[in-house]
Amino acid sequence: MAENISEILFDLLSPDRLALVSELNLRKQRLTALAKILKCTVQECSRNLNRLTDSGFIKKDSDGLYDITPFGRAMLSLVPGFGFLIKHREFSPR
């Protein structure tokens, strides 16, 4: 189970993949538009999109548009909590 959790977090919390999921949370987009937003090659963006698709964060429809899945949206909603915990990691409740 810990391996699955670490793999899922690794897939989401890469800066580029997190940016992709965040963009897709706003609207469906094509590969070329996403590559421009990330300022990377289409091949690099495609590799990240494939990883996110395999992990269940996003899906690609028959028109070639990528969209966030309900699982992706739920996982993305947890990211601010991680940021808070990292910022305040010295706090230790007793």
Protein backbone atom coordinates (compact mmCIF):
# COMPACT_ATOMS: atom_id res chain seq x y z
CA MET A 1 0.00 0.00 0.00
CA ALA A 2 2.78 2.48 0.86
CA GLU A 3 4.30 1.84 -2.57
CA ASN A 4 1.03 2.77 -4.28
CA ILE A 5 0.70 5.94 -2.21
CA SER A 6 4.26 7.01 -2.96
CA GLU A 7 3.79 6.33 -6.68
CA ILE A 8 0.56 8.35 -6.78
CA LEU A 9 2.11 11.25 -4.87
CA PHE A 10 5.20 11.13 -7.10
CA ASP A 11 2.99 11.31 -10.20
CA LEU A 12 1.01 14.27 -8.90
CA LEU A 13 3.63 16.31 -7.08
CA SER A 14 6.13 16.66 -9.90
CA PRO A 15 6.06 20.41 -10.66
CA ASP A 16 5.23 19.86 -14.34
CA ARG A 17 2.57 17.23 -13.70
CA LEU A 18 1.01 19.30 -10.92
CA ALA A 19 0.87 22.26 -13.32
CA LEU A 20 -0.80 20.08 -15.96
CA VAL A 21 -3.45 18.78 -13.57
CA SER A 22 -4.05 22.32 -12.28
CA GLU A 23 -4.52 23.62 -15.85
CA LEU A 24 -6.87 20.78 -16.69
CA ASN A 25 -8.86 21.54 -13.55
CA LEU A 26 -9.71 24.87 -15.21
CA ARG A 27 -10.66 23.55 -18.66
CA LYS A 28 -10.11 20.78 -21.19
CA GLN A 29 -7.07 21.36 -23.37
CA ARG A 30 -5.04 19.87 -26.19
CA LEU A 31 -1.48 18.60 -25.94
CA THR A 32 0.00 21.49 -27.93
CA ALA A 33 -1.70 24.12 -25.75
CA LEU A 34 -0.50 22.40 -22.59
CA ALA A 35 3.07 22.20 -23.92
CA LYS A 36 3.01 25.95 -24.58
CA ILE A 37 1.72 26.67 -21.06
CA LEU A 38 4.52 24.55 -19.54
CA LYS A 39 7.08 25.95 -22.02
CA CYS A 40 8.28 22.45 -22.85
CA THR A 41 8.41 20.23 -25.91
CA VAL A 42 5.34 18.37 -27.08
CA GLN A 43 7.21 15.10 -26.43
CA GLU A 44 8.00 16.03 -22.83
CA CYS A 45 4.44 17.17 -22.21
CA SER A 46 3.08 13.99 -23.80
CA ARG A 47 5.24 11.85 -21.51
CA ASN A 48 3.85 13.66 -18.44
CA LEU A 49 0.28 13.41 -19.74
CA ASN A 50 0.70 9.67 -20.32
CA ARG A 51 1.94 9.20 -16.77
CA LEU A 52 -1.02 11.20 -15.40
CA THR A 53 -3.42 9.19 -17.57
CA ASP A 54 -1.94 5.90 -16.37
CA SER A 55 -2.32 7.08 -12.76
CA GLY A 56 -5.98 8.02 -13.30
CA PHE A 57 -5.58 11.78 -12.77
CA ILE A 58 -6.61 12.75 -16.28
CA LYS A 59 -8.24 11.28 -19.38
CA LYS A 60 -8.15 12.01 -23.09
CA ASP A 61 -11.40 12.16 -25.04
CA SER A 62 -12.05 11.17 -28.66
CA ASP A 63 -11.50 14.79 -29.79
CA GLY A 64 -7.95 14.78 -28.40
CA LEU A 65 -8.80 16.98 -25.41
CA TYR A 66 -7.35 16.18 -22.01
CA ASP A 67 -9.54 16.60 -18.93
CA ILE A 68 -9.16 16.01 -15.21
CA THR A 69 -10.94 12.99 -13.71
CA PRO A 70 -12.94 13.02 -10.47
CA PHE A 71 -9.99 11.20 -8.85
CA GLY A 72 -7.61 13.86 -10.17
CA ARG A 73 -9.82 16.64 -8.85
CA ALA A 74 -10.04 14.98 -5.43
CA MET A 75 -6.27 14.48 -5.23
CA LEU A 76 -5.62 18.05 -6.40
CA SER A 77 -7.83 19.32 -3.58
CA LEU A 78 -5.39 17.74 -1.07
CA VAL A 79 -2.35 19.68 -2.32
CA PRO A 80 -3.01 22.87 -0.29
CA GLY A 81 -3.12 20.73 2.86
CA PHE A 82 0.29 19.28 2.03
CA GLY A 83 1.61 22.81 1.55
CA PHE A 84 0.26 23.85 4.94
CA LEU A 85 1.78 20.82 6.67
CA ILE A 86 5.16 21.41 5.04
CA LYS A 87 5.13 25.07 6.02
CA HIS A 88 4.26 24.25 9.64
CA ARG A 89 6.10 20.97 10.07
CA GLU A 90 7.75 22.18 13.30
CA PHE A 91 4.37 22.23 15.03
CA SER A 92 3.93 19.11 17.06
CA PRO A 93 0.60 18.59 18.84
CA ARG A 94 0.86 16.82 22.17
